[in-house]
N, C-alpha and C. Protein backbone atom coordinates (compact mmCIF):
# COMPACT_ATOMS: atom_id res chain seq x y z
N UNK A 1 -11.83 2.21 23.00
CA UNK A 1 -10.58 2.78 22.15
C UNK A 1 -11.22 4.23 22.10
N UNK A 2 -10.04 5.48 22.22
CA UNK A 2 -10.09 6.57 21.76
C UNK A 2 -10.30 6.67 20.49
N UNK A 3 -11.13 7.69 20.12
CA UNK A 3 -10.30 8.13 18.07
C UNK A 3 -9.51 8.39 17.87
N UNK A 4 -8.57 8.51 18.35
CA UNK A 4 -6.91 9.28 18.55
C UNK A 4 -6.31 8.33 18.61
N UNK A 5 -6.91 7.30 19.46
CA UNK A 5 -5.55 6.26 19.10
C UNK A 5 -6.10 5.34 18.20
N UNK A 6 -7.38 5.30 17.68
CA UNK A 6 -7.56 4.58 16.54
C UNK A 6 -7.30 5.38 15.31
N UNK A 7 -7.15 6.45 15.44
CA UNK A 7 -6.76 7.47 14.30
C UNK A 7 -5.13 6.98 13.65
N UNK A 8 -4.40 7.28 14.82
CA UNK A 8 -3.12 5.88 14.83
C UNK A 8 -2.56 5.43 14.70
N UNK A 9 -3.66 4.68 15.04
CA UNK A 9 -3.49 2.93 14.93
C UNK A 9 -3.74 2.68 13.65
N UNK A 10 -5.06 3.36 12.04
CA UNK A 10 -5.11 3.40 11.58
C UNK A 10 -3.05 3.93 10.47
N UNK A 11 -3.21 5.30 10.89
CA UNK A 11 -2.01 5.77 10.22
C UNK A 11 -0.80 4.74 10.08
N UNK A 12 -1.18 4.38 10.95
CA UNK A 12 0.28 3.23 11.23
C UNK A 12 0.05 1.92 10.16
N UNK A 13 -0.40 0.95 11.15
CA UNK A 13 -0.88 0.05 9.53
C UNK A 13 -1.07 0.52 8.37
N UNK A 14 -1.59 2.00 7.89
CA UNK A 14 -1.39 1.95 6.74
C UNK A 14 -0.25 2.81 6.21
N UNK A 15 1.13 2.96 6.67
CA UNK A 15 2.57 3.49 6.15
C UNK A 15 3.55 2.40 6.62
N UNK A 16 2.10 0.89 7.27
CA UNK A 16 2.92 0.02 7.00
C UNK A 16 3.00 -0.26 5.60
N UNK A 17 1.10 -0.60 5.23
CA UNK A 17 0.86 -1.09 4.13
C UNK A 17 1.61 -0.33 2.38
N UNK A 18 1.49 0.51 3.05
CA UNK A 18 2.52 1.47 1.91
C UNK A 18 4.10 1.07 1.95
N UNK A 19 4.28 0.77 2.98
CA UNK A 19 6.17 0.37 2.68
C UNK A 19 6.04 -1.13 2.18
N UNK A 20 5.37 -2.08 2.31
CA UNK A 20 4.63 -3.64 2.32
C UNK A 20 4.81 -3.37 0.46
N UNK A 21 3.28 -2.10 0.00
CA UNK A 21 3.57 -2.55 -1.62
C UNK A 21 4.24 -1.56 -1.92
N UNK A 22 5.46 -0.79 -1.65
CA UNK A 22 6.53 -0.14 -2.78
C UNK A 22 8.18 -1.87 -2.82
N UNK A 23 7.94 -2.23 -1.24
CA UNK A 23 9.11 -2.81 -1.51
C UNK A 23 8.51 -4.75 -1.92
N UNK A 24 7.51 -4.37 -2.07
CA UNK A 24 6.38 -5.19 -3.65
C UNK A 24 7.18 -5.44 -4.88
N UNK A 25 6.90 -3.99 -4.89
CA UNK A 25 6.57 -3.17 -6.05
C UNK A 25 8.53 -3.56 -6.79
N UNK A 26 9.15 -3.17 -6.02
CA UNK A 26 10.17 -2.28 -6.51
C UNK A 26 11.30 -4.18 -6.70
N UNK A 27 11.00 -5.24 -5.54
CA UNK A 27 11.70 -6.32 -5.39
C UNK A 27 10.99 -6.84 -6.99
N UNK A 28 9.58 -6.84 -7.35
CA UNK A 28 10.03 -7.74 -8.80
C UNK A 28 9.96 -6.87 -10.38
N UNK A 29 9.93 -5.31 -9.86
CA UNK A 29 10.01 -4.53 -10.99
C UNK A 29 11.70 -5.13 -12.04
N UNK A 30 12.88 -5.00 -11.54
CA UNK A 30 13.84 -6.18 -12.72
C UNK A 30 13.22 -7.55 -13.50
N UNK A 31 12.79 -8.28 -12.47
CA UNK A 31 12.23 -9.29 -13.52
C UNK A 31 11.31 -9.20 -14.12
N UNK A 32 10.39 -7.83 -14.59
CA UNK A 32 9.39 -7.64 -15.56
C UNK A 32 10.39 -7.13 -16.53
N UNK A 33 11.24 -6.75 -16.83
CA UNK A 33 12.21 -6.65 -17.90
C UNK A 33 12.67 -8.13 -18.43
N UNK A 34 12.75 -9.14 -17.98
CA UNK A 34 13.13 -10.55 -18.07
C UNK A 34 12.67 -11.05 -19.53
N UNK A 35 12.96 -11.95 -20.45
CA UNK A 35 12.89 -12.04 -21.61
C UNK A 35 11.86 -13.59 -21.85
N UNK A 36 11.53 -14.31 -20.61
CA UNK A 36 11.26 -15.64 -20.22
C UNK A 36 10.07 -14.97 -19.80
N UNK A 37 9.52 -15.38 -20.50
CA UNK A 37 7.52 -15.64 -20.02
C UNK A 37 7.32 -15.65 -18.22
N UNK A 38 8.06 -16.96 -17.85
CA UNK A 38 8.31 -17.35 -16.26
C UNK A 38 8.38 -16.43 -15.67
N UNK A 39 9.33 -15.32 -15.57
CA UNK A 39 10.28 -14.18 -15.16
C UNK A 39 8.59 -13.87 -15.07
N UNK A 40 8.07 -13.61 -16.25
CA UNK A 40 6.68 -11.78 -16.62
C UNK A 40 5.46 -12.30 -15.56
N UNK A 41 4.93 -13.63 -15.94
CA UNK A 41 4.49 -13.43 -15.17
C UNK A 41 4.07 -14.07 -13.07
N UNK A 42 5.90 -14.44 -13.60
CA UNK A 42 5.65 -15.00 -11.87
C UNK A 42 5.97 -13.68 -10.66
N UNK A 43 6.42 -12.29 -11.50
CA UNK A 43 6.28 -10.97 -11.06
C UNK A 43 5.60 -10.08 -11.13
N UNK A 44 4.72 -10.47 -12.09
CA UNK A 44 3.62 -9.57 -13.22
C UNK A 44 2.72 -9.54 -11.44
N UNK A 45 2.06 -10.59 -10.75
CA UNK A 45 1.03 -10.57 -9.70
C UNK A 45 1.63 -10.06 -8.79
N UNK A 46 2.99 -10.10 -8.16
CA UNK A 46 3.33 -9.78 -6.93
C UNK A 46 3.38 -8.06 -7.50
N UNK A 47 3.62 -7.90 -8.75
CA UNK A 47 3.76 -6.52 -8.96
C UNK A 47 1.96 -5.33 -9.01
N UNK A 48 1.19 -6.39 -9.17
CA UNK A 48 -0.13 -6.19 -9.15
C UNK A 48 -0.65 -5.98 -7.59
N UNK A 49 0.27 -7.27 -7.49
CA UNK A 49 -0.54 -6.73 -5.65
C UNK A 49 -0.21 -5.42 -4.40
N UNK A 50 1.48 -5.58 -4.78
CA UNK A 50 2.33 -4.24 -4.16
C UNK A 50 2.03 -3.38 -4.80
N UNK A 51 0.84 -3.12 -6.27
CA UNK A 51 0.18 -1.40 -5.85
C UNK A 51 -1.06 -1.88 -5.80
N UNK A 52 -1.66 -2.94 -5.91
CA UNK A 52 -3.17 -2.38 -4.82
C UNK A 52 -3.06 -2.64 -2.90
N UNK A 53 -1.73 -3.06 -2.60
CA UNK A 53 -1.59 -2.58 -1.02
C UNK A 53 -0.57 -1.10 -0.92
N UNK A 54 -0.28 -0.40 -1.91
CA UNK A 54 0.37 1.19 -1.82
C UNK A 54 -0.80 1.65 -2.24
N UNK A 55 -1.89 1.02 -3.24
CA UNK A 55 -2.73 2.20 -2.96
C UNK A 55 -4.20 2.45 -2.01
N UNK A 56 -4.38 1.08 -1.38
CA UNK A 56 -4.83 1.00 -0.10
C UNK A 56 -4.07 1.72 1.15
N UNK A 57 -2.93 1.50 0.82
CA UNK A 57 -2.67 2.46 2.42
C UNK A 57 -2.41 4.07 2.04
N UNK A 58 -2.59 4.42 0.69
CA UNK A 58 -2.63 5.70 0.68
C UNK A 58 -3.75 5.85 0.68
N UNK A 59 -4.80 5.01 0.44
CA UNK A 59 -6.26 6.20 0.27
C UNK A 59 -6.09 5.92 1.96
N UNK A 60 -5.84 5.53 2.39
CA UNK A 60 -6.39 5.25 4.80
C UNK A 60 -5.75 6.21 5.09
N UNK A 61 -4.22 6.26 4.41
CA UNK A 61 -3.46 7.40 5.20
C UNK A 61 -4.48 8.75 4.75
N UNK A 62 -4.22 9.08 3.51
CA UNK A 62 -5.77 10.53 3.20
C UNK A 62 -7.14 10.79 4.16
N UNK A 63 -7.14 8.95 4.20
CA UNK A 63 -8.47 9.77 5.10
C UNK A 63 -8.15 9.98 5.87
N UNK A 64 -7.74 9.01 6.85
CA UNK A 64 -7.53 10.04 8.32
C UNK A 64 -6.24 10.72 8.67
N UNK A 65 -5.97 11.73 7.78
CA UNK A 65 -4.90 12.07 8.06
C UNK A 65 -6.07 13.97 7.26
N UNK A 66 -7.11 13.72 7.05
CA UNK A 66 -7.70 14.26 5.95
C UNK A 66 -8.54 15.70 6.96
N UNK A 67 -9.59 16.18 7.07
CA UNK A 67 -10.67 17.28 8.27
C UNK A 67 -10.64 16.98 9.19
N UNK A 68 -10.66 17.10 10.55
CA UNK A 68 -10.57 16.06 11.87
C UNK A 68 -12.18 16.73 12.55
N UNK A 69 -12.65 16.77 11.57
CA UNK A 69 -13.90 17.50 11.79
C UNK A 69 -14.92 15.55 12.55
N UNK A 70 -16.06 15.81 12.84
CA UNK A 70 -16.24 14.68 13.25
C UNK A 70 -17.88 15.09 12.24
N UNK A 71 -18.02 15.28 11.61
CA UNK A 71 -17.92 14.81 9.25
C UNK A 71 -17.68 13.75 8.49
N UNK A 72 -16.31 14.26 9.05
CA UNK A 72 -15.76 13.56 8.02
C UNK A 72 -15.12 11.69 8.10
N UNK A 73 -15.50 11.10 6.98
CA UNK A 73 -15.19 10.23 7.24
C UNK A 73 -14.39 9.42 7.17
């Protein structure tokens, strides 16, 4: 697998992680305004999971789009 193919694959997976994290956070957001404790707990954990997915996708995308030199991480 060449480096350009690997970078393209990482960009696609990172973009999918961004989209999945954003969807998870947006889906759970209305339930966070509920007065019911079960709704808060049930929406809080997936919201944090979506935030972790979004952040990891953002970091992976930033690292692959960064410098194209061979010394770049």
